[in-house]
Amino acid sequence: MGDPIWDVLKEISRDKFNADRARFAAEADADDDGGWHKHSPHHWSRMVGADRLDYWPTRKKYQFRGKVRRGDVYAVIRRTSEPGKDGNNG
């Protein structure tokens, strides 16, 4: 027999996760500048300078220069395209 409070908390957490994922996907589609290679709805990539940038828009997660982070992927692209900037935000 399970704990009914725990079951409700898990359900709320799952619903929030799914709602966030759908919202992040919609935001990514709206912000898409056309420079992405879309492997699937959940995995995109592009070259930024000589480096590959992998992006998982439904989680706002990206990998750039060997580091996985979450956040504004377009800020990384903007910083990297500016002279003297390295694109890392950490």
N, C-alpha and C. Protein backbone atom coordinates (compact mmCIF):
# COMPACT_ATOMS: atom_id res chain seq x y z
N MET A 1 0.84 -1.17 0.00
CA MET A 1 0.00 0.00 0.00
C MET A 1 0.90 1.24 0.00
N GLY A 2 0.60 2.18 -0.91
CA GLY A 2 1.40 3.37 -1.03
C GLY A 2 0.91 4.50 -0.14
N ASP A 3 1.70 5.50 -0.06
CA ASP A 3 1.37 6.70 0.70
C ASP A 3 0.58 7.64 -0.21
N PRO A 4 -0.69 7.94 0.09
CA PRO A 4 -1.50 8.77 -0.82
C PRO A 4 -0.96 10.19 -0.96
N ILE A 5 -0.36 10.73 0.09
CA ILE A 5 0.21 12.08 -0.02
C ILE A 5 1.41 12.06 -0.97
N TRP A 6 2.26 11.06 -0.83
CA TRP A 6 3.42 10.93 -1.72
C TRP A 6 2.96 10.77 -3.17
N ASP A 7 1.92 9.97 -3.38
CA ASP A 7 1.40 9.77 -4.74
C ASP A 7 0.89 11.08 -5.34
N VAL A 8 0.23 11.90 -4.56
CA VAL A 8 -0.27 13.19 -5.05
C VAL A 8 0.92 14.11 -5.36
N LEU A 9 1.93 14.14 -4.49
CA LEU A 9 3.11 14.97 -4.74
C LEU A 9 3.83 14.55 -6.01
N LYS A 10 3.95 13.25 -6.24
CA LYS A 10 4.58 12.76 -7.48
C LYS A 10 3.77 13.18 -8.70
N GLU A 11 2.45 13.11 -8.60
CA GLU A 11 1.59 13.49 -9.72
C GLU A 11 1.72 14.99 -10.02
N ILE A 12 1.76 15.81 -8.98
CA ILE A 12 1.94 17.25 -9.17
C ILE A 12 3.29 17.54 -9.83
N SER A 13 4.33 16.87 -9.36
CA SER A 13 5.67 17.05 -9.92
C SER A 13 5.71 16.64 -11.39
N ARG A 14 5.09 15.50 -11.72
CA ARG A 14 5.06 15.03 -13.10
C ARG A 14 4.30 16.02 -14.00
N ASP A 15 3.17 16.52 -13.51
CA ASP A 15 2.39 17.48 -14.30
C ASP A 15 3.16 18.77 -14.54
N LYS A 16 3.87 19.25 -13.52
CA LYS A 16 4.68 20.46 -13.70
C LYS A 16 5.81 20.22 -14.70
N PHE A 17 6.47 19.08 -14.60
CA PHE A 17 7.55 18.73 -15.52
C PHE A 17 7.02 18.75 -16.96
N ASN A 18 5.89 18.11 -17.19
CA ASN A 18 5.33 18.04 -18.55
C ASN A 18 4.88 19.41 -19.04
N ALA A 19 4.30 20.22 -18.16
CA ALA A 19 3.88 21.57 -18.55
C ALA A 19 5.09 22.44 -18.88
N ASP A 20 6.15 22.36 -18.06
CA ASP A 20 7.37 23.12 -18.34
C ASP A 20 7.98 22.69 -19.66
N ARG A 21 8.02 21.40 -19.90
CA ARG A 21 8.60 20.89 -21.13
C ARG A 21 7.84 21.41 -22.36
N ALA A 22 6.52 21.40 -22.30
CA ALA A 22 5.71 21.92 -23.41
C ALA A 22 5.92 23.43 -23.59
N ARG A 23 5.99 24.16 -22.49
CA ARG A 23 6.21 25.60 -22.58
C ARG A 23 7.59 25.92 -23.15
N PHE A 24 8.62 25.20 -22.68
CA PHE A 24 9.98 25.42 -23.19
C PHE A 24 10.05 25.12 -24.68
N ALA A 25 9.37 24.07 -25.13
CA ALA A 25 9.36 23.71 -26.55
C ALA A 25 8.70 24.82 -27.37
N ALA A 26 7.58 25.35 -26.89
CA ALA A 26 6.89 26.43 -27.60
C ALA A 26 7.76 27.68 -27.67
N GLU A 27 8.43 28.00 -26.57
CA GLU A 27 9.33 29.17 -26.55
C GLU A 27 10.48 28.98 -27.53
N ALA A 28 11.05 27.78 -27.57
CA ALA A 28 12.17 27.51 -28.47
C ALA A 28 11.74 27.63 -29.92
N ASP A 29 10.57 27.10 -30.25
CA ASP A 29 10.06 27.21 -31.62
C ASP A 29 9.83 28.67 -32.00
N ALA A 30 9.31 29.46 -31.07
CA ALA A 30 9.07 30.88 -31.35
C ALA A 30 10.37 31.66 -31.51
N ASP A 31 11.40 31.28 -30.76
CA ASP A 31 12.69 31.98 -30.79
C ASP A 31 13.62 31.47 -31.89
N ASP A 32 13.27 30.39 -32.56
CA ASP A 32 14.13 29.75 -33.55
C ASP A 32 14.53 30.74 -34.64
N ASP A 33 15.82 30.92 -34.82
CA ASP A 33 16.33 31.85 -35.84
C ASP A 33 16.66 31.14 -37.15
N GLY A 34 16.37 29.86 -37.25
CA GLY A 34 16.60 29.12 -38.49
C GLY A 34 17.99 28.55 -38.64
N GLY A 35 18.87 28.78 -37.67
CA GLY A 35 20.25 28.31 -37.78
C GLY A 35 20.49 26.93 -37.18
N TRP A 36 19.45 26.26 -36.77
CA TRP A 36 19.60 24.98 -36.07
C TRP A 36 19.41 23.80 -37.01
N HIS A 37 20.20 22.75 -36.77
CA HIS A 37 19.95 21.45 -37.37
C HIS A 37 19.11 20.69 -36.35
N LYS A 38 17.89 20.35 -36.72
CA LYS A 38 16.96 19.72 -35.77
C LYS A 38 16.99 18.21 -35.97
N HIS A 39 17.71 17.53 -35.07
CA HIS A 39 17.80 16.07 -35.11
C HIS A 39 16.46 15.46 -34.72
N SER A 40 15.77 16.09 -33.77
CA SER A 40 14.45 15.67 -33.31
C SER A 40 13.83 16.91 -32.65
N PRO A 41 12.55 16.84 -32.25
CA PRO A 41 11.98 18.00 -31.56
C PRO A 41 12.69 18.31 -30.24
N HIS A 42 13.44 17.33 -29.74
CA HIS A 42 14.08 17.48 -28.43
C HIS A 42 15.59 17.70 -28.49
N HIS A 43 16.19 17.64 -29.67
CA HIS A 43 17.65 17.81 -29.79
C HIS A 43 17.97 18.59 -31.05
N TRP A 44 18.59 19.74 -30.86
CA TRP A 44 19.02 20.60 -31.96
C TRP A 44 20.53 20.82 -31.83
N SER A 45 21.17 21.19 -32.93
CA SER A 45 22.59 21.55 -32.86
C SER A 45 22.92 22.59 -33.92
N ARG A 46 24.05 23.23 -33.73
CA ARG A 46 24.56 24.19 -34.71
C ARG A 46 26.04 24.41 -34.42
N MET A 47 26.71 24.99 -35.37
CA MET A 47 28.11 25.37 -35.18
C MET A 47 28.15 26.84 -34.78
N VAL A 48 28.92 27.12 -33.74
CA VAL A 48 29.16 28.49 -33.29
C VAL A 48 30.66 28.69 -33.37
N GLY A 49 31.06 29.42 -34.37
CA GLY A 49 32.48 29.50 -34.67
C GLY A 49 32.94 28.12 -35.11
N ALA A 50 33.99 27.60 -34.47
CA ALA A 50 34.49 26.26 -34.80
C ALA A 50 33.96 25.20 -33.84
N ASP A 51 33.07 25.58 -32.93
CA ASP A 51 32.59 24.68 -31.90
C ASP A 51 31.14 24.28 -32.13
N ARG A 52 30.85 23.03 -31.80
CA ARG A 52 29.48 22.54 -31.90
C ARG A 52 28.72 22.91 -30.63
N LEU A 53 27.49 23.36 -30.82
CA LEU A 53 26.59 23.68 -29.72
C LEU A 53 25.39 22.74 -29.83
N ASP A 54 25.22 21.87 -28.85
CA ASP A 54 24.06 20.99 -28.78
C ASP A 54 23.05 21.62 -27.84
N TYR A 55 21.78 21.50 -28.21
CA TYR A 55 20.71 22.16 -27.46
C TYR A 55 19.53 21.21 -27.33
N TRP A 56 19.03 21.09 -26.11
CA TRP A 56 17.83 20.31 -25.83
C TRP A 56 16.78 21.31 -25.37
N PRO A 57 15.99 21.85 -26.32
CA PRO A 57 15.11 22.98 -26.00
C PRO A 57 14.02 22.67 -24.98
N THR A 58 13.58 21.43 -24.89
CA THR A 58 12.50 21.14 -23.95
C THR A 58 12.98 21.14 -22.51
N ARG A 59 14.28 21.19 -22.29
CA ARG A 59 14.84 21.30 -20.93
C ARG A 59 15.69 22.55 -20.76
N LYS A 60 15.79 23.37 -21.81
CA LYS A 60 16.66 24.56 -21.81
C LYS A 60 18.09 24.18 -21.43
N LYS A 61 18.53 23.04 -21.92
CA LYS A 61 19.86 22.53 -21.61
C LYS A 61 20.70 22.60 -22.88
N TYR A 62 21.97 22.91 -22.74
CA TYR A 62 22.86 22.94 -23.89
C TYR A 62 24.24 22.45 -23.48
N GLN A 63 25.00 22.00 -24.48
CA GLN A 63 26.39 21.59 -24.26
C GLN A 63 27.23 22.38 -25.23
N PHE A 64 28.25 23.05 -24.69
CA PHE A 64 29.14 23.87 -25.50
C PHE A 64 30.54 23.76 -24.92
N ARG A 65 31.48 23.43 -25.78
CA ARG A 65 32.89 23.29 -25.38
C ARG A 65 33.05 22.35 -24.19
N GLY A 66 32.32 21.23 -24.24
CA GLY A 66 32.48 20.18 -23.25
C GLY A 66 31.74 20.37 -21.95
N LYS A 67 31.01 21.47 -21.81
CA LYS A 67 30.28 21.72 -20.56
C LYS A 67 28.78 21.74 -20.83
N VAL A 68 28.04 21.03 -19.98
CA VAL A 68 26.59 21.00 -20.08
C VAL A 68 26.03 22.00 -19.09
N ARG A 69 25.13 22.85 -19.58
CA ARG A 69 24.54 23.88 -18.74
C ARG A 69 23.07 24.04 -19.10
N ARG A 70 22.35 24.78 -18.28
CA ARG A 70 20.97 25.15 -18.57
C ARG A 70 20.89 26.67 -18.59
N GLY A 71 20.04 27.18 -19.48
CA GLY A 71 19.86 28.63 -19.51
C GLY A 71 19.60 29.13 -20.91
N ASP A 72 19.95 30.38 -21.13
CA ASP A 72 19.68 31.08 -22.38
C ASP A 72 20.76 30.75 -23.42
N VAL A 73 20.43 29.84 -24.32
CA VAL A 73 21.40 29.40 -25.32
C VAL A 73 21.73 30.54 -26.30
N TYR A 74 20.77 31.43 -26.55
CA TYR A 74 21.05 32.54 -27.48
C TYR A 74 22.03 33.54 -26.89
N ALA A 75 22.10 33.66 -25.57
CA ALA A 75 23.11 34.51 -24.95
C ALA A 75 24.50 33.96 -25.22
N VAL A 76 24.64 32.64 -25.20
CA VAL A 76 25.92 32.01 -25.51
C VAL A 76 26.31 32.31 -26.95
N ILE A 77 25.35 32.19 -27.85
CA ILE A 77 25.62 32.46 -29.28
C ILE A 77 26.02 33.91 -29.46
N ARG A 78 25.30 34.83 -28.83
CA ARG A 78 25.64 36.26 -28.96
C ARG A 78 27.03 36.55 -28.41
N ARG A 79 27.33 36.02 -27.21
CA ARG A 79 28.64 36.28 -26.60
C ARG A 79 29.77 35.69 -27.43
N THR A 80 29.55 34.52 -27.98
CA THR A 80 30.60 33.85 -28.74
C THR A 80 30.87 34.58 -30.05
N SER A 81 29.83 35.18 -30.64
CA SER A 81 30.03 35.87 -31.92
C SER A 81 30.66 37.25 -31.74
N GLU A 82 30.73 37.75 -30.49
CA GLU A 82 31.37 39.02 -30.23
C GLU A 82 32.88 38.80 -30.10
N PRO A 83 33.68 39.66 -30.70
CA PRO A 83 35.14 39.52 -30.60
C PRO A 83 35.59 39.55 -29.14
N GLY A 84 36.48 38.65 -28.79
CA GLY A 84 37.05 38.63 -27.45
C GLY A 84 36.20 37.91 -26.40
N LYS A 85 35.06 37.37 -26.82
CA LYS A 85 34.19 36.68 -25.87
C LYS A 85 34.33 35.18 -26.10
N ASP A 86 34.22 34.40 -25.01
CA ASP A 86 34.42 32.95 -25.15
C ASP A 86 33.12 32.16 -25.13
N GLY A 87 31.98 32.76 -24.80
CA GLY A 87 30.71 32.05 -24.86
C GLY A 87 30.35 31.28 -23.60
N ASN A 88 31.29 31.03 -22.74
CA ASN A 88 30.96 30.32 -21.50
C ASN A 88 30.37 31.30 -20.52
N ASN A 89 29.41 30.83 -19.75
CA ASN A 89 28.77 31.74 -18.80
C ASN A 89 28.99 31.26 -17.37
N GLY A 90 30.12 30.67 -17.11
CA GLY A 90 30.33 30.19 -15.76
C GLY A 90 31.69 30.30 -15.28
